[in-house]
């Protein structure tokens, strides 16, 4: 009999697979993204020190749709990261598919000057 694994467990398995390959350094920190039904939480993390360099939550951003709030959050995060001297990052999509708001966030972050 097959056991059904729920959606969040499948995402965590995918995230573990991504994290096995992606790690942030001082020179190139990790841009980690988490998406819930209502918001997107993003952090720029230096895994060597175990420190968060910059973070942003899309609930604090302006915009009518989740996509608009994600793009606004990307611009805010890019600005904050650049002020702290971070221009290049590695992208950790958190086990989420690279579509919709995740892709909109990434494109807006690249347009705002982050390289990944």
PDB file of N, CA and C in Angstrom:
ATOM      1  N   UNK A   1       0.843  -1.168   0.000  1.00  0.00           N
ATOM      2  CA  UNK A   1       0.000   0.000   0.000  1.00  0.00           C
ATOM      3  C   UNK A   1       0.898   1.244   0.000  1.00  0.00           C
ATOM      4  N   UNK A   2       0.608   2.156  -0.892  1.00  0.00           N
ATOM      5  CA  UNK A   2       1.411   3.373  -0.996  1.00  0.00           C
ATOM      6  C   UNK A   2       0.990   4.378   0.074  1.00  0.00           C
ATOM      7  N   UNK A   3       1.971   5.025   0.638  1.00  0.00           N
ATOM      8  CA  UNK A   3       1.678   6.060   1.631  1.00  0.00           C
ATOM      9  C   UNK A   3       1.743   7.410   0.941  1.00  0.00           C
ATOM     10  N   UNK A   4       0.821   8.246   1.272  1.00  0.00           N
ATOM     11  CA  UNK A   4       0.808   9.576   0.674  1.00  0.00           C
ATOM     12  C   UNK A   4       1.571  10.538   1.576  1.00  0.00           C
ATOM     13  N   UNK A   5       2.495  11.254   0.985  1.00  0.00           N
ATOM     14  CA  UNK A   5       3.287  12.232   1.716  1.00  0.00           C
ATOM     15  C   UNK A   5       2.711  13.601   1.379  1.00  0.00           C
ATOM     16  N   UNK A   6       2.483  14.406   2.415  1.00  0.00           N
ATOM     17  CA  UNK A   6       1.834  15.688   2.135  1.00  0.00           C
ATOM     18  C   UNK A   6       2.779  16.708   1.497  1.00  0.00           C
ATOM     19  N   UNK A   7       2.195  17.796   1.043  1.00  0.00           N
ATOM     20  CA  UNK A   7       2.888  18.792   0.261  1.00  0.00           C
ATOM     21  C   UNK A   7       4.082  19.414   0.979  1.00  0.00           C
ATOM     22  N   UNK A   8       3.911  19.741   2.256  1.00  0.00           N
ATOM     23  CA  UNK A   8       4.993  20.405   2.986  1.00  0.00           C
ATOM     24  C   UNK A   8       6.181  19.471   3.193  1.00  0.00           C
ATOM     25  N   UNK A   9       5.935  18.198   3.380  1.00  0.00           N
ATOM     26  CA  UNK A   9       7.037  17.247   3.535  1.00  0.00           C
ATOM     27  C   UNK A   9       7.789  17.091   2.218  1.00  0.00           C
ATOM     28  N   UNK A  10       7.072  17.037   1.103  1.00  0.00           N
ATOM     29  CA  UNK A  10       7.738  16.956  -0.207  1.00  0.00           C
ATOM     30  C   UNK A  10       8.600  18.192  -0.453  1.00  0.00           C
ATOM     31  N   UNK A  11       8.102  19.386  -0.047  1.00  0.00           N
ATOM     32  CA  UNK A  11       8.881  20.618  -0.209  1.00  0.00           C
ATOM     33  C   UNK A  11      10.143  20.559   0.643  1.00  0.00           C
ATOM     34  N   UNK A  12      10.032  20.057   1.868  1.00  0.00           N
ATOM     35  CA  UNK A  12      11.201  19.966   2.746  1.00  0.00           C
ATOM     36  C   UNK A  12      12.241  19.009   2.182  1.00  0.00           C
ATOM     37  N   UNK A  13      11.799  17.938   1.548  1.00  0.00           N
ATOM     38  CA  UNK A  13      12.728  17.007   0.906  1.00  0.00           C
ATOM     39  C   UNK A  13      13.456  17.701  -0.240  1.00  0.00           C
ATOM     40  N   UNK A  14      12.709  18.456  -1.060  1.00  0.00           N
ATOM     41  CA  UNK A  14      13.337  19.201  -2.156  1.00  0.00           C
ATOM     42  C   UNK A  14      14.310  20.234  -1.606  1.00  0.00           C
ATOM     43  N   UNK A  15      13.935  20.906  -0.515  1.00  0.00           N
ATOM     44  CA  UNK A  15      14.795  21.932   0.072  1.00  0.00           C
ATOM     45  C   UNK A  15      16.102  21.321   0.574  1.00  0.00           C
ATOM     46  N   UNK A  16      16.029  20.154   1.203  1.00  0.00           N
ATOM     47  CA  UNK A  16      17.248  19.484   1.651  1.00  0.00           C
ATOM     48  C   UNK A  16      18.168  19.168   0.472  1.00  0.00           C
ATOM     49  N   UNK A  17      17.567  18.772  -0.636  1.00  0.00           N
ATOM     50  CA  UNK A  17      18.342  18.460  -1.834  1.00  0.00           C
ATOM     51  C   UNK A  17      19.033  19.724  -2.376  1.00  0.00           C
ATOM     52  N   UNK A  18      18.321  20.851  -2.356  1.00  0.00           N
ATOM     53  CA  UNK A  18      18.899  22.118  -2.812  1.00  0.00           C
ATOM     54  C   UNK A  18      20.003  22.556  -1.858  1.00  0.00           C
ATOM     55  N   UNK A  19      19.763  22.448  -0.547  1.00  0.00           N
ATOM     56  CA  UNK A  19      20.737  22.909   0.450  1.00  0.00           C
ATOM     57  C   UNK A  19      22.003  22.069   0.458  1.00  0.00           C
ATOM     58  N   UNK A  20      21.935  20.846  -0.030  1.00  0.00           N
ATOM     59  CA  UNK A  20      23.132  20.020  -0.118  1.00  0.00           C
ATOM     60  C   UNK A  20      24.109  20.594  -1.138  1.00  0.00           C
ATOM     61  N   UNK A  21      23.604  21.358  -2.076  1.00  0.00           N
ATOM     62  CA  UNK A  21      24.431  21.914  -3.147  1.00  0.00           C
ATOM     63  C   UNK A  21      24.706  23.398  -2.985  1.00  0.00           C
ATOM     64  N   UNK A  22      23.890  24.111  -2.192  1.00  0.00           N
ATOM     65  CA  UNK A  22      23.984  25.569  -2.094  1.00  0.00           C
ATOM     66  C   UNK A  22      24.381  25.962  -0.681  1.00  0.00           C
ATOM     67  N   UNK A  23      25.467  26.748  -0.589  1.00  0.00           N
ATOM     68  CA  UNK A  23      25.901  27.237   0.714  1.00  0.00           C
ATOM     69  C   UNK A  23      26.418  28.657   0.538  1.00  0.00           C
ATOM     70  N   UNK A  24      26.147  29.511   1.517  1.00  0.00           N
ATOM     71  CA  UNK A  24      26.583  30.894   1.444  1.00  0.00           C
ATOM     72  C   UNK A  24      27.927  31.089   2.106  1.00  0.00           C
ATOM     73  N   UNK A  25      28.744  31.951   1.521  1.00  0.00           N
ATOM     74  CA  UNK A  25      30.038  32.290   2.086  1.00  0.00           C
ATOM     75  C   UNK A  25      30.065  33.782   2.375  1.00  0.00           C
ATOM     76  N   UNK A  26      31.160  34.256   2.946  1.00  0.00           N
ATOM     77  CA  UNK A  26      31.278  35.688   3.200  1.00  0.00           C
ATOM     78  C   UNK A  26      31.319  36.466   1.895  1.00  0.00           C
ATOM     79  N   UNK A  27      31.996  35.897   0.891  1.00  0.00           N
ATOM     80  CA  UNK A  27      32.104  36.567  -0.399  1.00  0.00           C
ATOM     81  C   UNK A  27      30.798  36.506  -1.184  1.00  0.00           C
ATOM     82  N   UNK A  28      30.060  35.411  -1.016  1.00  0.00           N
ATOM     83  CA  UNK A  28      28.816  35.224  -1.771  1.00  0.00           C
ATOM     84  C   UNK A  28      27.779  34.568  -0.874  1.00  0.00           C
ATOM     85  N   UNK A  29      27.033  35.368  -0.088  1.00  0.00           N
ATOM     86  CA  UNK A  29      26.043  34.804   0.830  1.00  0.00           C
ATOM     87  C   UNK A  29      24.858  34.177   0.108  1.00  0.00           C
ATOM     88  N   UNK A  30      24.091  33.413   0.857  1.00  0.00           N
ATOM     89  CA  UNK A  30      22.930  32.699   0.316  1.00  0.00           C
ATOM     90  C   UNK A  30      21.676  33.557   0.469  1.00  0.00           C
ATOM     91  N   UNK A  31      20.921  33.697  -0.620  1.00  0.00           N
ATOM     92  CA  UNK A  31      19.636  34.398  -0.584  1.00  0.00           C
ATOM     93  C   UNK A  31      18.566  33.318  -0.428  1.00  0.00           C
ATOM     94  N   UNK A  32      18.037  33.197   0.782  1.00  0.00           N
ATOM     95  CA  UNK A  32      17.074  32.151   1.104  1.00  0.00           C
ATOM     96  C   UNK A  32      15.665  32.724   1.064  1.00  0.00           C
ATOM     97  N   UNK A  33      14.752  31.993   0.439  1.00  0.00           N
ATOM     98  CA  UNK A  33      13.387  32.480   0.283  1.00  0.00           C
ATOM     99  C   UNK A  33      12.401  31.455   0.839  1.00  0.00           C
ATOM    100  N   UNK A  34      11.388  31.955   1.535  1.00  0.00           N
ATOM    101  CA  UNK A  34      10.304  31.107   2.033  1.00  0.00           C
ATOM    102  C   UNK A  34       8.992  31.755   1.621  1.00  0.00           C
ATOM    103  N   UNK A  35       8.096  30.953   1.083  1.00  0.00           N
ATOM    104  CA  UNK A  35       6.808  31.464   0.612  1.00  0.00           C
ATOM    105  C   UNK A  35       5.687  30.769   1.370  1.00  0.00           C
ATOM    106  N   UNK A  36       4.813  31.572   1.984  1.00  0.00           N
ATOM    107  CA  UNK A  36       3.612  31.009   2.587  1.00  0.00           C
ATOM    108  C   UNK A  36       2.422  31.450   1.741  1.00  0.00           C
ATOM    109  N   UNK A  37       1.228  31.166   2.208  1.00  0.00           N
ATOM    110  CA  UNK A  37       0.044  31.577   1.451  1.00  0.00           C
ATOM    111  C   UNK A  37      -0.137  33.081   1.440  1.00  0.00           C
ATOM    112  N   UNK A  38       0.388  33.771   2.436  1.00  0.00           N
ATOM    113  CA  UNK A  38       0.140  35.203   2.564  1.00  0.00           C
ATOM    114  C   UNK A  38       1.356  36.078   2.365  1.00  0.00           C
ATOM    115  N   UNK A  39       2.549  35.533   2.469  1.00  0.00           N
ATOM    116  CA  UNK A  39       3.728  36.386   2.420  1.00  0.00           C
ATOM    117  C   UNK A  39       4.951  35.641   1.911  1.00  0.00           C
ATOM    118  N   UNK A  40       5.996  36.426   1.642  1.00  0.00           N
ATOM    119  CA  UNK A  40       7.294  35.885   1.271  1.00  0.00           C
ATOM    120  C   UNK A  40       8.294  36.452   2.271  1.00  0.00           C
ATOM    121  N   UNK A  41       9.128  35.571   2.805  1.00  0.00           N
ATOM    122  CA  UNK A  41      10.165  35.980   3.741  1.00  0.00           C
ATOM    123  C   UNK A  41      11.499  35.650   3.091  1.00  0.00           C
ATOM    124  N   UNK A  42      12.389  36.635   3.019  1.00  0.00           N
ATOM    125  CA  UNK A  42      13.659  36.461   2.339  1.00  0.00           C
ATOM    126  C   UNK A  42      14.791  36.928   3.249  1.00  0.00           C
ATOM    127  N   UNK A  43      15.887  36.168   3.256  1.00  0.00           N
ATOM    128  CA  UNK A  43      17.055  36.524   4.045  1.00  0.00           C
ATOM    129  C   UNK A  43      18.312  36.348   3.205  1.00  0.00           C
ATOM    130  N   UNK A  44      19.302  37.188   3.463  1.00  0.00           N
ATOM    131  CA  UNK A  44      20.628  37.011   2.902  1.00  0.00           C
ATOM    132  C   UNK A  44      21.485  36.516   4.059  1.00  0.00           C
ATOM    133  N   UNK A  45      22.021  35.282   3.931  1.00  0.00           N
ATOM    134  CA  UNK A  45      22.661  34.603   5.050  1.00  0.00           C
ATOM    135  C   UNK A  45      24.102  34.242   4.710  1.00  0.00           C
ATOM    136  N   UNK A  46      25.009  34.535   5.645  1.00  0.00           N
ATOM    137  CA  UNK A  46      26.391  34.073   5.564  1.00  0.00           C
ATOM    138  C   UNK A  46      26.466  32.789   6.387  1.00  0.00           C
ATOM    139  N   UNK A  47      26.518  31.637   5.721  1.00  0.00           N
ATOM    140  CA  UNK A  47      26.496  30.353   6.416  1.00  0.00           C
ATOM    141  C   UNK A  47      27.784  30.068   7.181  1.00  0.00           C
ATOM    142  N   UNK A  48      28.886  30.661   6.769  1.00  0.00           N
ATOM    143  CA  UNK A  48      30.149  30.441   7.481  1.00  0.00           C
ATOM    144  C   UNK A  48      30.087  31.024   8.895  1.00  0.00           C
ATOM    145  N   UNK A  49      29.524  32.214   9.019  1.00  0.00           N
ATOM    146  CA  UNK A  49      29.389  32.852  10.334  1.00  0.00           C
ATOM    147  C   UNK A  49      28.071  32.497  10.997  1.00  0.00           C
ATOM    148  N   UNK A  50      27.101  32.030  10.222  1.00  0.00           N
ATOM    149  CA  UNK A  50      25.783  31.750  10.763  1.00  0.00           C
ATOM    150  C   UNK A  50      25.023  33.029  11.078  1.00  0.00           C
ATOM    151  N   UNK A  51      25.215  34.033  10.234  1.00  0.00           N
ATOM    152  CA  UNK A  51      24.627  35.347  10.491  1.00  0.00           C
ATOM    153  C   UNK A  51      23.742  35.780   9.329  1.00  0.00           C
ATOM    154  N   UNK A  52      22.636  36.423   9.676  1.00  0.00           N
ATOM    155  CA  UNK A  52      21.756  37.007   8.674  1.00  0.00           C
ATOM    156  C   UNK A  52      22.234  38.423   8.390  1.00  0.00           C
ATOM    157  N   UNK A  53      22.514  38.712   7.133  1.00  0.00           N
ATOM    158  CA  UNK A  53      23.021  40.023   6.741  1.00  0.00           C
ATOM    159  C   UNK A  53      21.874  40.989   6.496  1.00  0.00           C
ATOM    160  N   UNK A  54      20.846  40.529   5.805  1.00  0.00           N
ATOM    161  CA  UNK A  54      19.687  41.370   5.496  1.00  0.00           C
ATOM    162  C   UNK A  54      18.453  40.479   5.410  1.00  0.00           C
ATOM    163  N   UNK A  55      17.311  41.038   5.742  1.00  0.00           N
ATOM    164  CA  UNK A  55      16.055  40.280   5.672  1.00  0.00           C
ATOM    165  C   UNK A  55      14.914  41.220   5.329  1.00  0.00           C
ATOM    166  N   UNK A  56      13.879  40.657   4.699  1.00  0.00           N
ATOM    167  CA  UNK A  56      12.694  41.437   4.367  1.00  0.00           C
ATOM    168  C   UNK A  56      11.482  40.516   4.338  1.00  0.00           C
ATOM    169  N   UNK A  57      10.333  41.068   4.727  1.00  0.00           N
ATOM    170  CA  UNK A  57       9.066  40.341   4.718  1.00  0.00           C
ATOM    171  C   UNK A  57       8.122  41.099   3.795  1.00  0.00           C
ATOM    172  N   UNK A  58       7.445  40.384   2.906  1.00  0.00           N
ATOM    173  CA  UNK A  58       6.617  41.047   1.899  1.00  0.00           C
ATOM    174  C   UNK A  58       5.355  41.682   2.485  1.00  0.00           C
ATOM    175  N   UNK A  59       4.951  41.302   3.698  1.00  0.00           N
ATOM    176  CA  UNK A  59       3.765  41.934   4.295  1.00  0.00           C
ATOM    177  C   UNK A  59       3.969  43.419   4.531  1.00  0.00           C
ATOM    178  N   UNK A  60       5.219  43.818   4.731  1.00  0.00           N
ATOM    179  CA  UNK A  60       5.519  45.228   4.984  1.00  0.00           C
ATOM    180  C   UNK A  60       5.614  46.041   3.690  1.00  0.00           C
ATOM    181  N   UNK A  61       5.532  45.381   2.560  1.00  0.00           N
ATOM    182  CA  UNK A  61       5.692  46.047   1.274  1.00  0.00           C
ATOM    183  C   UNK A  61       4.351  46.496   0.696  1.00  0.00           C
ATOM    184  N   UNK A  62       4.424  47.452  -0.221  1.00  0.00           N
ATOM    185  CA  UNK A  62       3.218  47.936  -0.879  1.00  0.00           C
ATOM    186  C   UNK A  62       2.969  47.143  -2.150  1.00  0.00           C
ATOM    187  N   UNK A  63       1.715  46.968  -2.466  1.00  0.00           N
ATOM    188  CA  UNK A  63       1.330  46.248  -3.671  1.00  0.00           C
ATOM    189  C   UNK A  63       0.001  45.551  -3.446  1.00  0.00           C
ATOM    190  N   UNK A  64      -0.761  45.396  -4.510  1.00  0.00           N
ATOM    191  CA  UNK A  64      -2.078  44.765  -4.388  1.00  0.00           C
ATOM    192  C   UNK A  64      -1.998  43.252  -4.467  1.00  0.00           C
ATOM    193  N   UNK A  65      -1.137  42.747  -5.332  1.00  0.00           N
ATOM    194  CA  UNK A  65      -1.050  41.302  -5.519  1.00  0.00           C
ATOM    195  C   UNK A  65       0.211  40.753  -4.858  1.00  0.00           C
ATOM    196  N   UNK A  66       0.251  39.460  -4.581  1.00  0.00           N
ATOM    197  CA  UNK A  66       1.470  38.874  -4.019  1.00  0.00           C
ATOM    198  C   UNK A  66       2.698  39.087  -4.910  1.00  0.00           C
ATOM    199  N   UNK A  67       2.492  39.058  -6.209  1.00  0.00           N
ATOM    200  CA  UNK A  67       3.601  39.279  -7.139  1.00  0.00           C
ATOM    201  C   UNK A  67       4.162  40.698  -7.009  1.00  0.00           C
ATOM    202  N   UNK A  68       3.291  41.703  -6.903  1.00  0.00           N
ATOM    203  CA  UNK A  68       3.742  43.090  -6.737  1.00  0.00           C
ATOM    204  C   UNK A  68       4.485  43.261  -5.420  1.00  0.00           C
ATOM    205  N   UNK A  69       3.989  42.629  -4.353  1.00  0.00           N
ATOM    206  CA  UNK A  69       4.664  42.716  -3.054  1.00  0.00           C
ATOM    207  C   UNK A  69       6.014  42.014  -3.097  1.00  0.00           C
ATOM    208  N   UNK A  70       6.105  40.911  -3.834  1.00  0.00           N
ATOM    209  CA  UNK A  70       7.384  40.197  -3.969  1.00  0.00           C
ATOM    210  C   UNK A  70       8.405  41.056  -4.712  1.00  0.00           C
ATOM    211  N   UNK A  71       7.971  41.726  -5.766  1.00  0.00           N
ATOM    212  CA  UNK A  71       8.875  42.587  -6.526  1.00  0.00           C
ATOM    213  C   UNK A  71       9.338  43.768  -5.680  1.00  0.00           C
ATOM    214  N   UNK A  72       8.428  44.342  -4.903  1.00  0.00           N
ATOM    215  CA  UNK A  72       8.787  45.435  -4.005  1.00  0.00           C
ATOM    216  C   UNK A  72       9.761  44.956  -2.931  1.00  0.00           C
ATOM    217  N   UNK A  73       9.529  43.765  -2.392  1.00  0.00           N
ATOM    218  CA  UNK A  73      10.428  43.195  -1.386  1.00  0.00           C
ATOM    219  C   UNK A  73      11.808  42.955  -1.975  1.00  0.00           C
ATOM    220  N   UNK A  74      11.870  42.536  -3.236  1.00  0.00           N
ATOM    221  CA  UNK A  74      13.155  42.292  -3.896  1.00  0.00           C
ATOM    222  C   UNK A  74      13.948  43.587  -4.023  1.00  0.00           C
ATOM    223  N   UNK A  75      13.273  44.662  -4.403  1.00  0.00           N
ATOM    224  CA  UNK A  75      13.956  45.948  -4.508  1.00  0.00           C
ATOM    225  C   UNK A  75      14.472  46.404  -3.143  1.00  0.00           C
ATOM    226  N   UNK A  76      13.659  46.234  -2.106  1.00  0.00           N
ATOM    227  CA  UNK A  76      14.060  46.617  -0.755  1.00  0.00           C
ATOM    228  C   UNK A  76      15.251  45.792  -0.284  1.00  0.00           C
ATOM    229  N   UNK A  77      15.193  44.485  -0.517  1.00  0.00           N
ATOM    230  CA  UNK A  77      16.287  43.608  -0.096  1.00  0.00           C
ATOM    231  C   UNK A  77      17.572  43.935  -0.840  1.00  0.00           C
ATOM    232  N   UNK A  78      17.487  44.178  -2.139  1.00  0.00           N
ATOM    233  CA  UNK A  78      18.674  44.503  -2.928  1.00  0.00           C
ATOM    234  C   UNK A  78      19.314  45.791  -2.428  1.00  0.00           C
ATOM    235  N   UNK A  79      18.491  46.758  -2.111  1.00  0.00           N
ATOM    236  CA  UNK A  79      19.005  48.033  -1.598  1.00  0.00           C
ATOM    237  C   UNK A  79      19.712  47.826  -0.257  1.00  0.00           C
ATOM    238  N   UNK A  80      19.082  47.087   0.650  1.00  0.00           N
ATOM    239  CA  UNK A  80      19.664  46.822   1.962  1.00  0.00           C
ATOM    240  C   UNK A  80      20.957  46.023   1.843  1.00  0.00           C
ATOM    241  N   UNK A  81      20.964  45.009   0.985  1.00  0.00           N
ATOM    242  CA  UNK A  81      22.160  44.182   0.803  1.00  0.00           C
ATOM    243  C   UNK A  81      23.308  44.995   0.227  1.00  0.00           C
ATOM    244  N   UNK A  82      23.029  45.849  -0.741  1.00  0.00           N
ATOM    245  CA  UNK A  82      24.076  46.676  -1.338  1.00  0.00           C
ATOM    246  C   UNK A  82      24.656  47.650  -0.324  1.00  0.00           C
ATOM    247  N   UNK A  83      23.797  48.178   0.582  1.00  0.00           N
ATOM    248  CA  UNK A  83      24.292  49.068   1.639  1.00  0.00           C
ATOM    249  C   UNK A  83      25.251  48.334   2.567  1.00  0.00           C
ATOM    250  N   UNK A  84      25.043  47.037   2.735  1.00  0.00           N
ATOM    251  CA  UNK A  84      25.902  46.229   3.609  1.00  0.00           C
ATOM    252  C   UNK A  84      27.060  45.598   2.843  1.00  0.00           C
ATOM    253  N   UNK A  85      27.226  45.956   1.570  1.00  0.00           N
ATOM    254  CA  UNK A  85      28.371  45.499   0.794  1.00  0.00           C
ATOM    255  C   UNK A  85      28.199  44.164   0.099  1.00  0.00           C
ATOM    256  N   UNK A  86      26.981  43.724  -0.101  1.00  0.00           N
ATOM    257  CA  UNK A  86      26.724  42.446  -0.774  1.00  0.00           C
ATOM    258  C   UNK A  86      26.149  42.727  -2.159  1.00  0.00           C
ATOM    259  N   UNK A  87      26.864  42.280  -3.191  1.00  0.00           N
ATOM    260  CA  UNK A  87      26.373  42.465  -4.553  1.00  0.00           C
ATOM    261  C   UNK A  87      26.116  41.127  -5.240  1.00  0.00           C
ATOM    262  N   UNK A  88      26.805  40.060  -4.786  1.00  0.00           N
ATOM    263  CA  UNK A  88      26.657  38.739  -5.395  1.00  0.00           C
ATOM    264  C   UNK A  88      26.147  37.763  -4.346  1.00  0.00           C
ATOM    265  N   UNK A  89      25.159  36.975  -4.721  1.00  0.00           N
ATOM    266  CA  UNK A  89      24.574  35.983  -3.819  1.00  0.00           C
ATOM    267  C   UNK A  89      24.351  34.672  -4.578  1.00  0.00           C
ATOM    268  N   UNK A  90      24.091  33.601  -3.822  1.00  0.00           N
ATOM    269  CA  UNK A  90      23.622  32.352  -4.420  1.00  0.00           C
ATOM    270  C   UNK A  90      22.156  32.216  -4.046  1.00  0.00           C
ATOM    271  N   UNK A  91      21.341  31.748  -4.969  1.00  0.00           N
ATOM    272  CA  UNK A  91      19.890  31.722  -4.776  1.00  0.00           C
ATOM    273  C   UNK A  91      19.450  30.373  -4.245  1.00  0.00           C
ATOM    274  N   UNK A  92      18.788  30.394  -3.090  1.00  0.00           N
ATOM    275  CA  UNK A  92      18.220  29.194  -2.477  1.00  0.00           C
ATOM    276  C   UNK A  92      16.705  29.333  -2.560  1.00  0.00           C
ATOM    277  N   UNK A  93      16.091  28.597  -3.477  1.00  0.00           N
ATOM    278  CA  UNK A  93      14.654  28.745  -3.698  1.00  0.00           C
ATOM    279  C   UNK A  93      13.814  28.048  -2.651  1.00  0.00           C
ATOM    280  N   UNK A  94      14.432  27.368  -1.704  1.00  0.00           N
ATOM    281  CA  UNK A  94      13.721  26.783  -0.573  1.00  0.00           C
ATOM    282  C   UNK A  94      12.824  25.611  -0.905  1.00  0.00           C
ATOM    283  N   UNK A  95      13.105  24.920  -1.996  1.00  0.00           N
ATOM    284  CA  UNK A  95      12.272  23.786  -2.366  1.00  0.00           C
ATOM    285  C   UNK A  95      11.018  24.169  -3.137  1.00  0.00           C
ATOM    286  N   UNK A  96      10.832  25.457  -3.379  1.00  0.00           N
ATOM    287  CA  UNK A  96       9.669  25.919  -4.129  1.00  0.00           C
ATOM    288  C   UNK A  96      10.000  25.930  -5.621  1.00  0.00           C
ATOM    289  N   UNK A  97       8.998  25.750  -6.448  1.00  0.00           N
ATOM    290  CA  UNK A  97       9.194  25.786  -7.898  1.00  0.00           C
ATOM    291  C   UNK A  97       9.557  27.204  -8.321  1.00  0.00           C
ATOM    292  N   UNK A  98      10.432  27.307  -9.321  1.00  0.00           N
ATOM    293  CA  UNK A  98      10.889  28.608  -9.795  1.00  0.00           C
ATOM    294  C   UNK A  98       9.865  29.180 -10.783  1.00  0.00           C
ATOM    295  N   UNK A  99       8.678  29.486 -10.276  1.00  0.00           N
ATOM    296  CA  UNK A  99       7.610  30.079 -11.074  1.00  0.00           C
ATOM    297  C   UNK A  99       6.874  31.089 -10.210  1.00  0.00           C
ATOM    298  N   UNK A 100       5.993  31.851 -10.825  1.00  0.00           N
ATOM    299  CA  UNK A 100       5.118  32.758 -10.082  1.00  0.00           C
ATOM    300  C   UNK A 100       5.867  33.799  -9.281  1.00  0.00           C
ATOM    301  N   UNK A 101       5.541  33.891  -7.983  1.00  0.00           N
ATOM    302  CA  UNK A 101       6.108  34.937  -7.137  1.00  0.00           C
ATOM    303  C   UNK A 101       7.597  34.721  -6.877  1.00  0.00           C
ATOM    304  N   UNK A 102       8.054  33.459  -6.864  1.00  0.00           N
ATOM    305  CA  UNK A 102       9.481  33.191  -6.662  1.00  0.00           C
ATOM    306  C   UNK A 102      10.278  33.738  -7.848  1.00  0.00           C
ATOM    307  N   UNK A 103       9.805  33.481  -9.053  1.00  0.00           N
ATOM    308  CA  UNK A 103      10.472  33.980 -10.249  1.00  0.00           C
ATOM    309  C   UNK A 103      10.384  35.502 -10.327  1.00  0.00           C
ATOM    310  N   UNK A 104       9.229  36.072  -9.981  1.00  0.00           N
ATOM    311  CA  UNK A 104       9.069  37.522  -9.987  1.00  0.00           C
ATOM    312  C   UNK A 104      10.042  38.170  -9.004  1.00  0.00           C
ATOM    313  N   UNK A 105      10.197  37.558  -7.828  1.00  0.00           N
ATOM    314  CA  UNK A 105      11.145  38.077  -6.840  1.00  0.00           C
ATOM    315  C   UNK A 105      12.564  38.038  -7.398  1.00  0.00           C
ATOM    316  N   UNK A 106      12.959  36.903  -7.969  1.00  0.00           N
ATOM    317  CA  UNK A 106      14.320  36.750  -8.485  1.00  0.00           C
ATOM    318  C   UNK A 106      14.603  37.740  -9.611  1.00  0.00           C
ATOM    319  N   UNK A 107      13.665  37.899 -10.526  1.00  0.00           N
ATOM    320  CA  UNK A 107      13.859  38.833 -11.639  1.00  0.00           C
ATOM    321  C   UNK A 107      13.981  40.266 -11.138  1.00  0.00           C
ATOM    322  N   UNK A 108      13.152  40.642 -10.166  1.00  0.00           N
ATOM    323  CA  UNK A 108      13.200  42.000  -9.624  1.00  0.00           C
ATOM    324  C   UNK A 108      14.496  42.230  -8.849  1.00  0.00           C
ATOM    325  N   UNK A 109      14.986  41.211  -8.142  1.00  0.00           N
ATOM    326  CA  UNK A 109      16.244  41.344  -7.402  1.00  0.00           C
ATOM    327  C   UNK A 109      17.409  41.520  -8.373  1.00  0.00           C
ATOM    328  N   UNK A 110      17.385  40.769  -9.475  1.00  0.00           N
ATOM    329  CA  UNK A 110      18.438  40.938 -10.495  1.00  0.00           C
ATOM    330  C   UNK A 110      18.377  42.321 -11.104  1.00  0.00           C
ATOM    331  N   UNK A 111      17.167  42.802 -11.395  1.00  0.00           N
ATOM    332  CA  UNK A 111      17.006  44.127 -11.973  1.00  0.00           C
ATOM    333  C   UNK A 111      17.463  45.220 -11.022  1.00  0.00           C
ATOM    334  N   UNK A 112      17.351  44.967  -9.712  1.00  0.00           N
ATOM    335  CA  UNK A 112      17.756  45.953  -8.709  1.00  0.00           C
ATOM    336  C   UNK A 112      19.257  45.914  -8.425  1.00  0.00           C
ATOM    337  N   UNK A 113      19.973  44.946  -9.030  1.00  0.00           N
ATOM    338  CA  UNK A 113      21.422  44.969  -8.931  1.00  0.00           C
ATOM    339  C   UNK A 113      22.062  43.783  -8.234  1.00  0.00           C
ATOM    340  N   UNK A 114      21.300  42.831  -7.718  1.00  0.00           N
ATOM    341  CA  UNK A 114      21.917  41.641  -7.133  1.00  0.00           C
ATOM    342  C   UNK A 114      22.311  40.672  -8.247  1.00  0.00           C
ATOM    343  N   UNK A 115      23.471  40.060  -8.121  1.00  0.00           N
ATOM    344  CA  UNK A 115      23.937  39.105  -9.134  1.00  0.00           C
ATOM    345  C   UNK A 115      23.796  37.692  -8.604  1.00  0.00           C
ATOM    346  N   UNK A 116      23.076  36.837  -9.335  1.00  0.00           N
ATOM    347  CA  UNK A 116      23.003  35.405  -9.051  1.00  0.00           C
ATOM    348  C   UNK A 116      22.502  34.673 -10.263  1.00  0.00           C
TER     349      UNK A 116
END
